[in-house]
């Protein structure tokens, strides 16, 4: 039994599918007009819808016109769709933009040179198929293997790999057999290629919107848990995670170090150099400390220029050594527009917590240690005396 479908019907379904996609995305787009990813994808679908409409009208208007304009639109639309996917995966760079712009221009010019000087149908099919496969490969690869690739992204990547493979097969068959493979010519390769396109149009377009939604949800979660300026945990998130860590240390009877620090004379920096310079200091400090801390250390902004850190598994001496490394790390900091270096004062309390130990008490005693560091001349570390913490039953040893 031959599995051949009517190619005009498939092309018409592609036209209708793209048009409905444009309508649905335009409704969503009204509230997201500044989203460059959605704008690029929306434009790609508009151009592709026009291309398939021209191809569906083939025979009613001159072939040379439909072949020329429609294939140019398909190259441009496919390139824009690839760019939208790369933007979505965070893989779109300036060099990528130049690559896709250059490749699209080469494809459009090259296809028209074939029309003018070497107008054989199988050659056009080979050129268009291989060209589209190249455009689709990088988005498929990034969806499958990019940083933070989700299950939904991987499924989308599989779909784009299928498109890449179908176009490669179509091009190879056209090149090796040189048989007639016109747009409306029935055949197994034709049927499979256009069914793959139809599958990607339906599932891929839906998947794209779902990934956009997934990305927006992740951003909302990040905003809920992290400080927007410094990219550290906000106070609420830090306290929540710190309490969980405290409970774990109680069960495992391991050391826990609670650290508070703030920037020395931070108000002076704001007054002399402006609040923008103050923000740059906060960002520089957070970036340097984040790069130094381990994956299990907690780092959060309590408010203003006050920050908190939580270490586990380090005794008092080990904690003090690690904090001294952080203090020395900040001595190398240079901020544009700020001629003098900034420093921090640190208060720390280290202990093996008991069931009676609570985070609020640790904060109070750590804040006293921080005050002691400021009293001792700032830019230094002060270790709190755990013997004064009535709720702790374990003394700290070096």
Protein backbone atom coordinates (compact mmCIF):
# COMPACT_ATOMS: atom_id res chain seq x y z
CA UNK A 1 0.00 0.00 0.00
CA UNK A 2 1.41 3.35 -1.03
CA UNK A 3 1.31 5.96 1.70
CA UNK A 4 0.95 8.97 -0.60
CA UNK A 5 -1.10 11.95 0.47
CA UNK A 6 -2.48 14.69 -1.69
CA UNK A 7 0.28 17.33 -1.58
CA UNK A 8 -2.10 20.24 -2.27
CA UNK A 9 -4.08 19.27 0.82
CA UNK A 10 -0.91 19.20 2.94
CA UNK A 11 0.23 22.58 1.62
CA UNK A 12 -3.20 24.06 2.33
CA UNK A 13 -3.09 22.69 5.88
CA UNK A 14 0.31 24.35 6.30
CA UNK A 15 -1.19 27.63 5.10
CA UNK A 16 -4.17 27.38 7.44
CA UNK A 17 -1.99 26.22 10.33
CA UNK A 18 0.42 29.12 9.99
CA UNK A 19 -2.43 31.60 9.63
CA UNK A 20 -4.09 30.32 12.80
CA UNK A 21 -0.72 30.45 14.55
CA UNK A 22 -0.35 34.09 13.52
CA UNK A 23 -3.85 34.87 14.82
CA UNK A 24 -3.28 33.14 18.15
CA UNK A 25 0.18 34.62 18.68
CA UNK A 26 -1.09 38.09 17.76
CA UNK A 27 -3.64 37.84 20.58
CA UNK A 28 -0.86 36.92 23.02
CA UNK A 29 1.49 39.46 21.45
CA UNK A 30 -0.77 42.42 22.29
CA UNK A 31 0.40 42.30 25.91
CA UNK A 32 4.01 41.43 25.11
CA UNK A 33 4.91 43.85 22.31
CA UNK A 34 8.35 44.52 23.79
CA UNK A 35 9.37 40.86 23.89
CA UNK A 36 11.96 40.57 21.11
CA UNK A 37 11.79 36.76 21.16
CA UNK A 38 8.04 36.72 20.57
CA UNK A 39 8.30 39.51 17.99
CA UNK A 40 10.90 37.55 16.00
CA UNK A 41 8.85 34.34 16.13
CA UNK A 42 5.66 36.22 15.20
CA UNK A 43 7.37 37.81 12.18
CA UNK A 44 8.75 34.41 11.14
CA UNK A 45 5.27 32.87 11.19
CA UNK A 46 3.79 35.78 9.21
CA UNK A 47 6.44 35.40 6.50
CA UNK A 48 6.08 31.61 6.43
CA UNK A 49 2.29 31.91 6.12
CA UNK A 50 2.73 34.18 3.08
CA UNK A 51 5.24 31.75 1.58
CA UNK A 52 2.96 28.72 1.89
CA UNK A 53 0.02 30.74 0.59
CA UNK A 54 2.01 31.62 -2.53
CA UNK A 55 2.98 27.96 -2.96
CA UNK A 56 -0.66 26.90 -2.56
CA UNK A 57 -1.56 29.30 -5.39
CA UNK A 58 1.06 27.77 -7.67
CA UNK A 59 -0.48 27.13 -11.05
CA UNK A 60 -2.87 30.05 -10.78
CA UNK A 61 -0.05 32.61 -11.00
CA UNK A 62 3.26 32.34 -12.89
CA UNK A 63 5.53 29.61 -11.45
CA UNK A 64 8.63 31.77 -11.66
CA UNK A 65 6.97 34.34 -9.40
CA UNK A 66 5.74 31.82 -6.84
CA UNK A 67 9.02 29.91 -6.83
CA UNK A 68 11.10 33.06 -6.46
CA UNK A 69 9.09 34.90 -3.82
CA UNK A 70 7.85 31.88 -1.90
CA UNK A 71 11.26 30.27 -1.50
CA UNK A 72 12.81 33.60 -0.52
CA UNK A 73 10.12 33.97 2.15
CA UNK A 74 10.73 30.41 3.34
CA UNK A 75 14.46 31.06 3.74
CA UNK A 76 13.80 34.32 5.62
CA UNK A 77 11.02 32.83 7.73
CA UNK A 78 13.07 29.74 8.65
CA UNK A 79 16.04 31.92 9.54
CA UNK A 80 13.91 34.17 11.78
CA UNK A 81 12.36 31.14 13.46
CA UNK A 82 15.84 29.77 14.14
CA UNK A 83 16.88 33.14 15.60
CA UNK A 84 13.79 33.17 17.85
CA UNK A 85 14.65 29.68 19.15
CA UNK A 86 18.26 30.68 19.80
CA UNK A 87 17.08 33.77 21.68
CA UNK A 88 14.74 31.58 23.70
CA UNK A 89 17.61 29.30 24.73
CA UNK A 90 19.91 32.23 25.52
CA UNK A 91 22.29 31.22 22.71
CA UNK A 92 21.87 34.25 20.45
CA UNK A 93 25.04 36.32 20.22
CA UNK A 94 26.23 39.08 17.90
CA UNK A 95 28.22 36.55 15.87
CA UNK A 96 25.11 34.34 15.56
CA UNK A 97 23.13 37.31 14.25
CA UNK A 98 25.76 38.00 11.58
CA UNK A 99 25.91 34.30 10.69
CA UNK A 100 22.15 33.97 10.10
CA UNK A 101 21.90 37.29 8.28
CA UNK A 102 24.77 36.33 5.99
CA UNK A 103 23.48 32.81 5.44
CA UNK A 104 19.98 34.04 4.56
CA UNK A 105 21.35 36.56 2.05
CA UNK A 106 23.56 33.87 0.48
CA UNK A 107 20.60 31.47 0.24
CA UNK A 108 18.27 34.02 -1.38
CA UNK A 109 20.88 35.23 -3.88
CA UNK A 110 22.10 31.68 -4.60
CA UNK A 111 18.58 30.39 -5.21
CA UNK A 112 17.88 33.19 -7.69
CA UNK A 113 21.15 32.54 -9.51
CA UNK A 114 20.01 28.94 -9.93
CA UNK A 115 16.68 30.18 -11.30
CA UNK A 116 18.46 32.36 -13.84
CA UNK A 117 21.35 30.12 -14.95
CA UNK A 118 20.73 26.53 -13.85
CA UNK A 119 17.00 26.17 -13.49
CA UNK A 120 16.58 22.43 -12.89
CA UNK A 121 13.94 21.38 -10.40
CA UNK A 122 16.03 18.74 -8.60
CA UNK A 123 18.90 21.26 -8.18
CA UNK A 124 16.51 23.79 -6.62
CA UNK A 125 15.20 21.09 -4.28
CA UNK A 126 18.74 20.08 -3.26
CA UNK A 127 19.71 23.70 -2.59
CA UNK A 128 16.55 24.57 -0.65
CA UNK A 129 16.53 21.30 1.34
CA UNK A 130 20.19 21.44 2.43
CA UNK A 131 19.92 25.16 3.13
CA UNK A 132 16.87 24.76 5.38
CA UNK A 133 18.50 21.80 7.15
CA UNK A 134 21.48 23.98 8.06
CA UNK A 135 19.17 26.70 9.38
CA UNK A 136 17.34 24.20 11.60
CA UNK A 137 20.33 22.31 12.99
CA UNK A 138 21.73 24.86 15.46
CA UNK A 139 18.35 25.57 17.16
CA UNK A 140 17.80 21.80 17.50
CA UNK A 141 21.23 21.37 19.05
CA UNK A 142 20.76 24.27 21.50
CA UNK A 143 17.32 23.06 22.55
CA UNK A 144 18.73 19.62 23.31
CA UNK A 145 22.03 20.52 24.97
CA UNK A 146 21.83 24.15 26.10
CA UNK A 147 22.36 25.19 29.70
CA UNK A 148 19.14 24.79 31.66
CA UNK A 149 17.51 22.76 28.90
CA UNK A 150 14.17 21.48 30.21
CA UNK A 151 12.25 18.38 29.15
CA UNK A 152 9.97 20.58 27.02
CA UNK A 153 13.01 22.10 25.29
CA UNK A 154 14.45 18.66 24.61
CA UNK A 155 11.16 17.54 23.03
CA UNK A 156 11.24 20.65 20.84
CA UNK A 157 14.83 19.81 19.95
CA UNK A 158 13.78 16.34 18.80
CA UNK A 159 11.15 17.91 16.53
CA UNK A 160 13.69 20.26 14.94
CA UNK A 161 16.13 17.38 14.50
CA UNK A 162 13.35 15.54 12.64
CA UNK A 163 12.89 18.55 10.35
CA UNK A 164 16.66 18.71 9.75
CA UNK A 165 16.79 15.00 8.96
CA UNK A 166 13.75 15.11 6.65
CA UNK A 167 15.23 17.95 4.62
CA UNK A 168 18.60 16.20 4.40
CA UNK A 169 16.93 13.01 3.17
CA UNK A 170 14.83 14.97 0.65
CA UNK A 171 17.94 16.74 -0.64
CA UNK A 172 19.97 13.53 -0.88
CA UNK A 173 17.17 11.70 -2.74
CA UNK A 174 16.77 14.61 -5.17
CA UNK A 175 20.54 14.74 -5.74
CA UNK A 176 21.09 11.02 -6.23
CA UNK A 177 17.99 10.12 -8.23
CA UNK A 178 17.36 13.42 -10.07
CA UNK A 179 13.75 12.30 -10.20
CA UNK A 180 10.80 14.63 -10.46
CA UNK A 181 9.97 15.92 -6.99
CA UNK A 182 7.82 18.95 -7.66
CA UNK A 183 5.83 20.52 -4.89
CA UNK A 184 2.62 18.70 -5.77
CA UNK A 185 4.25 15.50 -7.04
CA UNK A 186 3.18 12.54 -4.84
CA UNK A 187 5.90 10.38 -3.36
CA UNK A 188 7.01 8.78 -0.10
CA UNK A 189 9.82 11.29 0.58
CA UNK A 190 7.56 14.20 -0.26
CA UNK A 191 4.85 12.87 2.03
CA UNK A 192 7.20 12.25 4.96
CA UNK A 193 8.93 15.63 4.54
CA UNK A 194 5.73 17.64 4.53
CA UNK A 195 4.16 15.57 7.30
CA UNK A 196 7.22 16.40 9.41
CA UNK A 197 6.73 20.09 8.61
CA UNK A 198 3.08 19.83 9.58
CA UNK A 199 3.99 18.08 12.84
CA UNK A 200 6.52 20.77 13.74
CA UNK A 201 4.09 23.51 12.81
CA UNK A 202 1.46 22.15 15.22
CA UNK A 203 3.64 20.89 18.06
CA UNK A 204 6.54 23.29 17.56
CA UNK A 205 4.43 26.43 17.63
CA UNK A 206 2.59 25.22 20.73
CA UNK A 207 5.87 24.21 22.32
CA UNK A 208 7.39 27.60 21.63
CA UNK A 209 4.60 29.39 23.51
CA UNK A 210 4.83 26.86 26.35
CA UNK A 211 8.58 27.44 26.63
CA UNK A 212 7.95 31.20 26.72
CA UNK A 213 5.48 30.58 29.55
CA UNK A 214 7.97 28.30 31.28
CA UNK A 215 10.65 30.98 31.00
CA UNK A 216 8.28 33.63 32.41
CA UNK A 217 7.42 31.33 35.33
CA UNK A 218 11.12 30.79 36.06
CA UNK A 219 11.66 34.55 36.04
CA UNK A 220 8.79 35.05 38.50
CA UNK A 221 10.29 32.40 40.77
CA UNK A 222 13.70 34.05 40.54
CA UNK A 223 12.18 37.42 41.41
CA UNK A 224 10.39 35.85 44.37
CA UNK A 225 13.55 34.26 45.80
CA UNK A 226 16.40 36.53 44.72
CA UNK A 227 17.37 40.15 45.19
CA UNK A 228 17.09 41.89 41.83
CA UNK A 229 20.15 44.14 42.23
CA UNK A 230 22.70 41.70 43.64
CA UNK A 231 21.34 38.33 42.46
CA UNK A 232 21.66 36.99 46.01
CA UNK A 233 18.89 35.39 48.04
CA UNK A 234 16.47 37.96 49.40
CA UNK A 235 15.93 38.14 53.16
CA UNK A 236 12.84 35.93 53.24
CA UNK A 237 14.39 33.21 51.08
CA UNK A 238 17.66 33.29 53.02
CA UNK A 239 15.87 32.90 56.35
CA UNK A 240 13.73 30.03 55.02
CA UNK A 241 16.72 28.11 53.68
CA UNK A 242 18.85 28.97 56.70
CA UNK A 243 16.24 27.46 59.03
CA UNK A 244 16.22 24.29 56.92
CA UNK A 245 20.02 24.14 57.08
CA UNK A 246 19.94 24.75 60.84
CA UNK A 247 17.57 21.82 61.32
CA UNK A 248 19.83 19.58 59.27
CA UNK A 249 22.90 20.60 61.28
CA UNK A 250 21.03 19.81 64.50
CA UNK A 251 20.24 16.30 63.26
CA UNK A 252 23.76 15.67 61.93
CA UNK A 253 25.49 17.49 64.81
CA UNK A 254 27.74 19.44 62.45
CA UNK A 255 29.15 22.93 62.71
CA UNK A 256 27.15 25.89 61.47
CA UNK A 257 28.51 29.41 60.96
CA UNK A 258 26.21 32.42 60.74
CA UNK A 259 27.88 35.52 59.26
CA UNK A 260 26.70 39.11 59.02
CA UNK A 261 28.62 41.85 57.23
CA UNK A 262 28.06 45.28 55.77
CA UNK A 263 30.08 47.79 53.76
CA UNK A 264 32.12 50.24 55.77
CA UNK A 265 30.94 53.85 55.42
CA UNK A 266 28.55 52.88 52.65
CA UNK A 267 26.56 56.09 53.08
CA UNK A 268 29.73 58.04 52.34
CA UNK A 269 30.09 56.30 48.96
CA UNK A 270 26.47 57.12 48.10
CA UNK A 271 26.86 60.76 49.16
CA UNK A 272 30.19 61.35 47.38
CA UNK A 273 29.76 59.33 44.19
CA UNK A 274 25.99 58.86 43.87
CA UNK A 275 23.61 55.98 44.43
CA UNK A 276 24.48 54.46 41.05
CA UNK A 277 28.07 54.04 42.25
CA UNK A 278 26.71 52.53 45.46
CA UNK A 279 24.70 50.02 43.43
CA UNK A 280 27.82 49.09 41.46
CA UNK A 281 29.67 48.46 44.72
CA UNK A 282 26.87 46.15 45.91
CA UNK A 283 26.89 44.29 42.61
CA UNK A 284 30.68 43.95 42.54
CA UNK A 285 30.76 42.68 46.13
CA UNK A 286 28.00 40.13 45.43
CA UNK A 287 29.64 38.91 42.22
CA UNK A 288 33.03 38.39 43.91
CA UNK A 289 31.62 36.60 46.94
CA UNK A 290 29.23 34.46 44.85
CA UNK A 291 32.19 33.34 42.78
CA UNK A 292 34.09 32.36 45.91
CA UNK A 293 31.38 30.49 47.81
CA UNK A 294 30.61 26.80 47.39
CA UNK A 295 27.34 25.31 46.08
CA UNK A 296 26.08 24.52 49.60
CA UNK A 297 26.85 27.93 51.13
CA UNK A 298 23.95 30.35 51.54
CA UNK A 299 24.38 34.02 50.64
CA UNK A 300 21.63 36.59 51.02
CA UNK A 301 20.95 40.30 51.25
CA UNK A 302 19.24 41.26 54.48
CA UNK A 303 18.62 44.82 53.33
CA UNK A 304 20.56 47.93 52.32
CA UNK A 305 24.25 47.04 52.49
CA UNK A 306 23.83 44.27 55.07
CA UNK A 307 24.41 40.69 53.90
CA UNK A 308 24.35 37.27 55.53
CA UNK A 309 26.24 34.04 54.80
CA UNK A 310 25.74 30.56 56.20
CA UNK A 311 28.51 27.96 56.23
CA UNK A 312 28.18 24.34 57.34
CA UNK A 313 30.83 21.83 58.37
CA UNK A 314 33.54 24.40 59.24
CA UNK A 315 34.80 25.01 62.75
CA UNK A 316 35.62 28.47 64.06
CA UNK A 317 39.19 28.54 62.77
CA UNK A 318 38.24 27.24 59.31
CA UNK A 319 35.38 29.73 59.09
CA UNK A 320 37.64 32.63 60.11
CA UNK A 321 40.20 31.62 57.46
CA UNK A 322 37.54 31.50 54.76
CA UNK A 323 36.15 34.90 55.76
CA UNK A 324 39.66 36.37 55.75
CA UNK A 325 40.04 35.15 52.16
CA UNK A 326 36.79 36.93 51.27
CA UNK A 327 37.98 40.13 52.97
CA UNK A 328 41.28 39.97 51.07
CA UNK A 329 39.43 39.21 47.83
CA UNK A 330 37.56 42.50 48.16
CA UNK A 331 40.82 44.41 48.58
CA UNK A 332 41.41 43.85 44.84
CA UNK A 333 38.07 45.42 43.91
CA UNK A 334 38.06 48.49 41.65
CA UNK A 335 34.83 50.28 40.80
CA UNK A 336 34.47 52.66 37.84
CA UNK A 337 33.91 56.19 39.08
CA UNK A 338 34.96 55.34 42.65
CA UNK A 339 38.65 56.18 43.28
CA UNK A 340 38.84 54.59 46.74
CA UNK A 341 38.41 50.93 47.67
CA UNK A 342 35.54 49.67 49.77
CA UNK A 343 35.84 47.26 52.69
CA UNK A 344 33.51 45.22 54.88
CA UNK A 345 33.17 44.54 58.59
CA UNK A 346 32.23 40.97 59.50
CA UNK A 347 30.59 39.40 62.51
CA UNK A 348 30.45 35.62 62.80
CA UNK A 349 29.11 33.04 65.23
CA UNK A 350 30.12 29.36 64.90
CA UNK A 351 28.65 26.49 66.87
CA UNK A 352 27.17 23.02 66.80
CA UNK A 353 23.47 23.83 67.19
CA UNK A 354 21.03 22.02 69.44
CA UNK A 355 17.28 21.62 69.14
CA UNK A 356 16.89 24.82 71.18
CA UNK A 357 19.07 26.91 68.85
CA UNK A 358 17.04 29.29 66.69
CA UNK A 359 18.06 31.57 63.84
CA UNK A 360 16.77 34.74 65.51
CA UNK A 361 19.13 34.25 68.47
CA UNK A 362 22.05 33.58 66.13
CA UNK A 363 21.25 36.81 64.31
CA UNK A 364 21.23 38.83 67.54
CA UNK A 365 24.62 37.53 68.71
CA UNK A 366 26.10 37.79 65.22
CA UNK A 367 24.92 41.40 65.00
CA UNK A 368 26.75 42.09 68.27
CA UNK A 369 29.89 40.60 66.77
CA UNK A 370 29.46 42.82 63.72
CA UNK A 371 29.16 45.85 65.97
CA UNK A 372 32.36 44.75 67.72
CA UNK A 373 34.15 44.59 64.33
CA UNK A 374 33.11 48.17 63.61
CA UNK A 375 34.20 49.24 67.08
CA UNK A 376 37.64 47.66 66.43
CA UNK A 377 38.25 49.89 63.42
CA UNK A 378 36.23 48.17 60.64
CA UNK A 379 37.62 46.14 57.73
CA UNK A 380 38.04 43.20 60.09
CA UNK A 381 36.39 40.06 61.45
CA UNK A 382 34.92 39.62 64.92
CA UNK A 383 33.94 36.16 66.21
CA UNK A 384 31.05 36.04 68.67
CA UNK A 385 31.38 34.12 71.93
CA UNK A 386 29.03 31.14 71.80
CA UNK A 387 29.35 30.74 75.53
CA UNK A 388 26.95 33.68 75.85
CA UNK A 389 24.27 31.91 73.86
CA UNK A 390 22.10 30.32 76.47
CA UNK A 391 20.23 28.24 73.94
CA UNK A 392 23.39 26.50 72.72
CA UNK A 393 24.72 23.52 74.66
CA UNK A 394 27.84 22.96 72.57
CA UNK A 395 30.96 25.13 72.97
CA UNK A 396 32.95 25.99 69.86
CA UNK A 397 36.45 24.61 69.49
CA UNK A 398 39.07 25.75 67.07
